[in-house]
């Protein structure tokens, strides 16, 4: 019994990370900054009626909400990991499926935003009809239904075939909770299907807008801006695809390294490949809109900045 206690003590001591507070600070600080930026953007969208009724801004606001919630959950899960906080399997399951749903919805939302720009340029006379307030929210609901398919499937499998020690506490991650091979196949299948689907939509809309831009009947400036917007979505999708690589790295480091090394490597990968792209993309997207940018700067500086009033026009 004494040897067992000594071994447990040595294991605990080996897992203790003296630099944990520093690493947590370096991870949480930029996340908190981005949470504040996203919060100000969401607040700005609530200050003008046109931002709440126009499809382009509705989809932008939806992207902000999803990415903000995803970022917040990532911070919570990382703090739990670095603080060695064990979580019940049921609670961990809810956190992980919520994070998965948010990630899938964020990816699918890029397709919606690209299609909105496609309709604005290729069918300008029907843009208001096709992208009405009701239809935009219906499209968002469809995206959520698609994003929840994987989560519901994993929940069914978990409670049907993987209920061993269901009240057990563990470090909350997909690797530690979802140990059956079927989970990995589900995750890879849904991720690849959604990425291929969204990639096809974005490339199609980009090519269509580029073709229309060459015609004399098109507003060249609007088409050029729309193409840049769709290209930005393609870059966002590419950065999001790096999460697949992060998942592969996570599997490898958990197998071949100890917990601390795995946590440190995952910290770096997650920060560089997922957190920063998720936070910078909405910021870049918002700053390209002159009307929104002016209001955002005003609220970001608590109303102290001198912002030149800009009339909000619904350019396609």
Protein backbone atom coordinates (compact mmCIF):
# COMPACT_ATOMS: atom_id res chain seq x y z
CA UNK A 1 0.00 0.00 0.00
CA UNK A 2 2.91 2.30 0.84
CA UNK A 3 4.54 1.63 -2.51
CA UNK A 4 1.24 2.32 -4.24
CA UNK A 5 0.87 5.67 -2.49
CA UNK A 6 4.46 6.54 -3.28
CA UNK A 7 3.96 5.70 -6.94
CA UNK A 8 0.81 7.81 -7.04
CA UNK A 9 2.63 10.67 -5.41
CA UNK A 10 5.49 10.44 -7.91
CA UNK A 11 3.00 10.37 -10.77
CA UNK A 12 1.22 13.45 -9.44
CA UNK A 13 4.52 15.23 -8.99
CA UNK A 14 5.60 14.33 -12.51
CA UNK A 15 2.38 15.74 -13.94
CA UNK A 16 2.62 18.98 -12.04
CA UNK A 17 3.54 21.76 -14.42
CA UNK A 18 5.35 24.61 -12.74
CA UNK A 19 4.74 26.84 -15.75
CA UNK A 20 1.00 26.18 -15.85
CA UNK A 21 -0.01 29.69 -14.61
CA UNK A 22 2.24 31.34 -17.21
CA UNK A 23 0.93 29.16 -20.02
CA UNK A 24 -2.64 29.76 -18.95
CA UNK A 25 -2.02 33.51 -18.90
CA UNK A 26 -0.43 33.47 -22.37
CA UNK A 27 -3.36 31.47 -23.73
CA UNK A 28 -6.22 33.23 -21.98
CA UNK A 29 -5.02 36.83 -22.48
CA UNK A 30 -5.33 36.95 -26.31
CA UNK A 31 -8.59 35.01 -26.07
CA UNK A 32 -10.04 37.55 -23.64
CA UNK A 33 -8.97 40.38 -25.97
CA UNK A 34 -10.68 38.69 -28.92
CA UNK A 35 -13.77 38.02 -26.81
CA UNK A 36 -13.95 41.74 -26.05
CA UNK A 37 -13.52 42.62 -29.75
CA UNK A 38 -16.25 40.15 -30.75
CA UNK A 39 -18.47 41.46 -27.97
CA UNK A 40 -18.10 45.03 -29.22
CA UNK A 41 -18.89 43.86 -32.76
CA UNK A 42 -22.06 42.13 -31.56
CA UNK A 43 -23.02 45.25 -29.60
CA UNK A 44 -22.46 47.37 -32.71
CA UNK A 45 -24.73 45.12 -34.76
CA UNK A 46 -27.50 45.70 -32.21
CA UNK A 47 -27.32 49.50 -32.47
CA UNK A 48 -28.70 49.91 -35.98
CA UNK A 49 -31.95 48.46 -37.30
CA UNK A 50 -30.44 47.92 -40.74
CA UNK A 51 -27.81 45.63 -39.22
CA UNK A 52 -30.59 43.46 -37.75
CA UNK A 53 -32.71 43.27 -40.90
CA UNK A 54 -30.17 42.87 -43.72
CA UNK A 55 -29.10 39.32 -44.59
CA UNK A 56 -25.43 40.19 -44.93
CA UNK A 57 -25.25 41.58 -41.39
CA UNK A 58 -27.49 38.86 -39.97
CA UNK A 59 -25.11 36.19 -41.26
CA UNK A 60 -22.12 38.18 -40.04
CA UNK A 61 -23.70 38.44 -36.59
CA UNK A 62 -24.43 34.71 -36.61
CA UNK A 63 -20.78 34.02 -37.42
CA UNK A 64 -19.70 36.27 -34.54
CA UNK A 65 -22.00 34.54 -32.05
CA UNK A 66 -20.85 31.06 -33.07
CA UNK A 67 -17.15 31.94 -33.05
CA UNK A 68 -17.47 33.78 -29.72
CA UNK A 69 -19.18 30.83 -28.04
CA UNK A 70 -16.62 28.47 -29.56
CA UNK A 71 -13.77 30.61 -28.28
CA UNK A 72 -15.29 30.86 -24.80
CA UNK A 73 -15.74 27.08 -24.57
CA UNK A 74 -12.18 26.54 -25.75
CA UNK A 75 -10.88 28.80 -22.98
CA UNK A 76 -12.95 26.92 -20.37
CA UNK A 77 -11.74 23.50 -21.56
CA UNK A 78 -8.11 24.63 -21.67
CA UNK A 79 -8.25 26.09 -18.16
CA UNK A 80 -9.78 22.83 -16.91
CA UNK A 81 -6.97 20.87 -18.56
CA UNK A 82 -4.09 23.04 -17.35
CA UNK A 83 -5.59 23.18 -13.84
CA UNK A 84 -5.99 19.37 -13.74
CA UNK A 85 -9.72 19.70 -13.19
CA UNK A 86 -11.51 16.39 -13.71
CA UNK A 87 -14.98 16.55 -15.23
CA UNK A 88 -17.79 14.00 -15.15
CA UNK A 89 -18.25 12.09 -18.38
CA UNK A 90 -21.80 13.38 -18.87
CA UNK A 91 -20.73 17.01 -18.45
CA UNK A 92 -17.70 16.48 -20.66
CA UNK A 93 -19.93 14.94 -23.34
CA UNK A 94 -22.19 18.00 -23.37
CA UNK A 95 -19.19 20.36 -23.63
CA UNK A 96 -17.58 18.42 -26.45
CA UNK A 97 -20.70 17.97 -28.56
CA UNK A 98 -21.50 21.66 -28.13
CA UNK A 99 -17.96 22.56 -29.29
CA UNK A 100 -18.32 20.18 -32.25
CA UNK A 101 -21.69 21.65 -33.24
CA UNK A 102 -20.32 25.20 -33.07
CA UNK A 103 -17.36 24.24 -35.24
CA UNK A 104 -19.55 22.56 -37.88
CA UNK A 105 -22.06 25.44 -37.91
CA UNK A 106 -19.23 27.96 -38.25
CA UNK A 107 -17.96 26.09 -41.32
CA UNK A 108 -21.40 25.82 -42.94
CA UNK A 109 -22.10 29.49 -42.25
CA UNK A 110 -19.27 30.39 -44.65
CA UNK A 111 -21.26 28.76 -47.44
CA UNK A 112 -24.32 30.84 -46.54
CA UNK A 113 -22.34 34.07 -46.55
CA UNK A 114 -20.81 33.22 -49.93
CA UNK A 115 -24.22 32.37 -51.40
CA UNK A 116 -25.60 35.70 -50.14
CA UNK A 117 -22.86 37.56 -52.04
CA UNK A 118 -23.52 35.38 -55.09
CA UNK A 119 -27.21 36.33 -55.09
CA UNK A 120 -26.37 40.02 -54.52
CA UNK A 121 -24.14 40.19 -57.61
CA UNK A 122 -25.70 37.65 -59.97
CA UNK A 123 -29.37 38.36 -59.15
CA UNK A 124 -29.40 41.95 -57.85
CA UNK A 125 -33.07 42.56 -58.71
CA UNK A 126 -34.17 39.53 -56.68
CA UNK A 127 -31.64 39.91 -53.88
CA UNK A 128 -34.07 41.43 -51.39
CA UNK A 129 -36.67 38.75 -52.15
CA UNK A 130 -34.32 35.74 -52.01
CA UNK A 131 -32.39 36.88 -48.94
CA UNK A 132 -35.34 38.19 -46.94
CA UNK A 133 -35.27 38.30 -43.14
CA UNK A 134 -37.41 35.14 -42.86
CA UNK A 135 -35.50 33.15 -45.45
CA UNK A 136 -32.14 34.12 -43.94
CA UNK A 137 -33.19 32.83 -40.52
CA UNK A 138 -34.64 29.68 -42.12
CA UNK A 139 -31.27 29.04 -43.77
CA UNK A 140 -29.53 29.51 -40.41
CA UNK A 141 -31.90 26.94 -38.85
CA UNK A 142 -31.07 24.45 -41.62
CA UNK A 143 -27.36 24.99 -40.96
CA UNK A 144 -27.88 24.23 -37.28
CA UNK A 145 -29.81 21.06 -38.08
CA UNK A 146 -26.95 19.86 -40.29
CA UNK A 147 -24.39 20.85 -37.66
CA UNK A 148 -26.19 18.84 -34.97
CA UNK A 149 -26.31 15.56 -36.94
CA UNK A 150 -22.83 14.47 -35.85
CA UNK A 151 -23.48 15.49 -32.23
CA UNK A 152 -26.73 13.54 -31.99
CA UNK A 153 -25.07 10.52 -33.60
CA UNK A 154 -22.23 10.61 -31.07
CA UNK A 155 -24.67 10.96 -28.17
CA UNK A 156 -26.67 7.94 -29.35
CA UNK A 157 -23.52 5.85 -29.70
CA UNK A 158 -22.19 7.02 -26.34
CA UNK A 159 -25.31 6.11 -24.37
CA UNK A 160 -25.91 2.90 -26.34
CA UNK A 161 -22.45 1.30 -26.49
CA UNK A 162 -20.02 3.35 -24.42
CA UNK A 163 -21.57 3.67 -20.96
CA UNK A 164 -18.68 2.12 -19.00
CA UNK A 165 -17.98 4.09 -15.80
CA UNK A 166 -20.34 6.83 -16.95
CA UNK A 167 -20.05 8.64 -13.60
CA UNK A 168 -16.26 8.63 -13.77
CA UNK A 169 -14.32 11.93 -13.77
CA UNK A 170 -11.67 12.53 -16.44
CA UNK A 171 -9.69 15.14 -18.34
CA UNK A 172 -12.17 16.46 -20.85
CA UNK A 173 -11.07 15.97 -24.46
CA UNK A 174 -12.26 13.98 -27.45
CA UNK A 175 -9.27 11.68 -27.11
CA UNK A 176 -10.02 10.72 -23.51
CA UNK A 177 -13.81 10.54 -23.79
CA UNK A 178 -14.41 9.10 -27.26
CA UNK A 179 -12.15 6.04 -27.23
CA UNK A 180 -14.11 3.84 -29.63
CA UNK A 181 -12.87 3.80 -33.22
CA UNK A 182 -16.34 4.65 -34.56
CA UNK A 183 -16.12 8.16 -33.07
CA UNK A 184 -12.98 8.92 -35.08
CA UNK A 185 -14.62 7.65 -38.26
CA UNK A 186 -17.72 9.76 -37.63
CA UNK A 187 -15.65 12.87 -36.93
CA UNK A 188 -13.47 12.44 -40.01
CA UNK A 189 -16.44 11.64 -42.25
CA UNK A 190 -18.57 14.62 -41.20
CA UNK A 191 -15.63 17.03 -41.22
CA UNK A 192 -14.56 16.00 -44.72
CA UNK A 193 -18.12 16.05 -46.10
CA UNK A 194 -18.82 19.53 -44.74
CA UNK A 195 -15.46 20.91 -45.88
CA UNK A 196 -15.85 19.52 -49.39
CA UNK A 197 -19.43 20.83 -49.59
CA UNK A 198 -18.52 24.32 -48.37
CA UNK A 199 -15.40 24.42 -50.55
CA UNK A 200 -17.51 23.58 -53.61
CA UNK A 201 -20.04 26.32 -52.76
CA UNK A 202 -17.34 28.95 -52.21
CA UNK A 203 -15.45 28.09 -55.41
CA UNK A 204 -18.72 28.06 -57.38
CA UNK A 205 -19.78 31.46 -56.04
CA UNK A 206 -16.30 32.92 -56.62
CA UNK A 207 -16.23 31.72 -60.24
CA UNK A 208 -19.79 32.90 -60.86
CA UNK A 209 -19.14 36.37 -59.47
CA UNK A 210 -15.90 36.63 -61.48
CA UNK A 211 -17.79 35.69 -64.66
CA UNK A 212 -20.55 38.22 -64.02
CA UNK A 213 -17.95 40.91 -63.24
CA UNK A 214 -16.73 40.73 -66.84
CA UNK A 215 -20.13 41.71 -68.25
CA UNK A 216 -21.01 45.30 -68.95
CA UNK A 217 -24.28 45.13 -67.00
CA UNK A 218 -22.55 44.52 -63.69
CA UNK A 219 -21.36 47.02 -61.09
CA UNK A 220 -17.61 46.44 -61.32
CA UNK A 221 -16.82 47.82 -57.85
CA UNK A 222 -19.49 45.76 -56.10
CA UNK A 223 -18.43 42.60 -57.94
CA UNK A 224 -14.80 43.17 -57.03
CA UNK A 225 -15.66 43.64 -53.36
CA UNK A 226 -17.90 40.57 -53.40
CA UNK A 227 -15.16 38.45 -54.95
CA UNK A 228 -12.72 39.56 -52.27
CA UNK A 229 -15.29 38.68 -49.62
CA UNK A 230 -15.79 35.17 -51.05
CA UNK A 231 -12.01 34.76 -51.30
CA UNK A 232 -11.78 35.67 -47.62
CA UNK A 233 -14.31 32.91 -46.87
CA UNK A 234 -12.15 30.45 -48.81
CA UNK A 235 -9.14 31.46 -46.72
CA UNK A 236 -11.22 31.03 -43.57
CA UNK A 237 -12.19 27.56 -44.76
CA UNK A 238 -8.56 26.70 -45.42
CA UNK A 239 -7.56 27.81 -41.95
CA UNK A 240 -10.43 25.82 -40.51
CA UNK A 241 -9.22 22.75 -42.40
CA UNK A 242 -6.04 22.93 -40.34
CA UNK A 243 -8.13 21.69 -37.41
CA UNK A 244 -8.04 18.26 -39.08
CA UNK A 245 -4.25 18.40 -38.89
CA UNK A 246 -4.48 19.47 -35.26
CA UNK A 247 -6.64 16.42 -34.54
CA UNK A 248 -4.05 14.11 -36.13
CA UNK A 249 -1.27 15.75 -34.11
CA UNK A 250 -3.35 15.37 -30.95
CA UNK A 251 -3.77 11.63 -31.51
CA UNK A 252 -0.03 11.18 -32.09
CA UNK A 253 1.21 13.16 -29.10
CA UNK A 254 -1.18 11.44 -26.71
CA UNK A 255 0.21 8.08 -27.84
CA UNK A 256 3.92 8.88 -27.93
CA UNK A 257 4.38 11.56 -25.26
CA UNK A 258 3.41 12.31 -21.69
CA UNK A 259 0.46 14.48 -20.64
CA UNK A 260 2.46 17.70 -20.15
CA UNK A 261 4.14 17.53 -23.55
CA UNK A 262 0.80 16.76 -25.18
CA UNK A 263 -0.83 19.72 -23.44
CA UNK A 264 1.98 22.09 -24.46
CA UNK A 265 1.96 21.02 -28.11
CA UNK A 266 -1.82 21.17 -28.27
CA UNK A 267 -1.73 24.62 -26.69
CA UNK A 268 0.51 25.91 -29.47
CA UNK A 269 -1.41 24.19 -32.30
CA UNK A 270 -4.80 25.27 -30.99
CA UNK A 271 -3.71 28.88 -30.53
CA UNK A 272 -2.05 29.21 -33.94
CA UNK A 273 -4.32 27.13 -36.18
CA UNK A 274 -7.77 27.58 -34.61
CA UNK A 275 -8.05 30.48 -32.15
CA UNK A 276 -6.24 33.22 -34.09
CA UNK A 277 -7.89 32.43 -37.48
CA UNK A 278 -11.34 32.26 -35.85
CA UNK A 279 -10.81 35.64 -34.20
CA UNK A 280 -8.98 37.52 -36.94
CA UNK A 281 -11.37 36.57 -39.74
CA UNK A 282 -14.46 38.33 -38.27
CA UNK A 283 -12.30 41.34 -37.45
CA UNK A 284 -11.01 41.59 -41.03
CA UNK A 285 -14.51 41.00 -42.39
CA UNK A 286 -16.01 43.72 -40.21
CA UNK A 287 -13.29 46.27 -40.96
CA UNK A 288 -13.99 46.00 -44.70
CA UNK A 289 -17.48 47.45 -44.19
CA UNK A 290 -17.12 51.24 -43.91
CA UNK A 291 -20.39 51.91 -42.08
CA UNK A 292 -19.88 49.08 -39.61
CA UNK A 293 -16.20 49.91 -39.14
CA UNK A 294 -16.90 53.51 -38.11
CA UNK A 295 -19.48 52.49 -35.52
CA UNK A 296 -17.27 49.69 -34.25
CA UNK A 297 -14.33 52.04 -33.68
CA UNK A 298 -16.63 54.43 -31.84
CA UNK A 299 -17.91 51.78 -29.41
CA UNK A 300 -14.52 50.06 -29.14
CA UNK A 301 -13.07 53.26 -27.68
CA UNK A 302 -16.09 53.73 -25.37
CA UNK A 303 -17.33 56.65 -27.45
CA UNK A 304 -14.14 58.68 -26.95
CA UNK A 305 -12.89 58.35 -30.49
CA UNK A 306 -13.77 60.98 -33.05
CA UNK A 307 -15.70 59.08 -35.67
CA UNK A 308 -16.95 60.73 -38.80
CA UNK A 309 -20.65 59.86 -39.29
CA UNK A 310 -21.20 57.60 -42.26
CA UNK A 311 -24.54 56.96 -43.86
CA UNK A 312 -25.37 53.27 -43.96
CA UNK A 313 -26.16 52.25 -47.50
CA UNK A 314 -27.17 48.79 -48.60
CA UNK A 315 -24.63 48.21 -51.32
CA UNK A 316 -24.86 44.82 -52.94
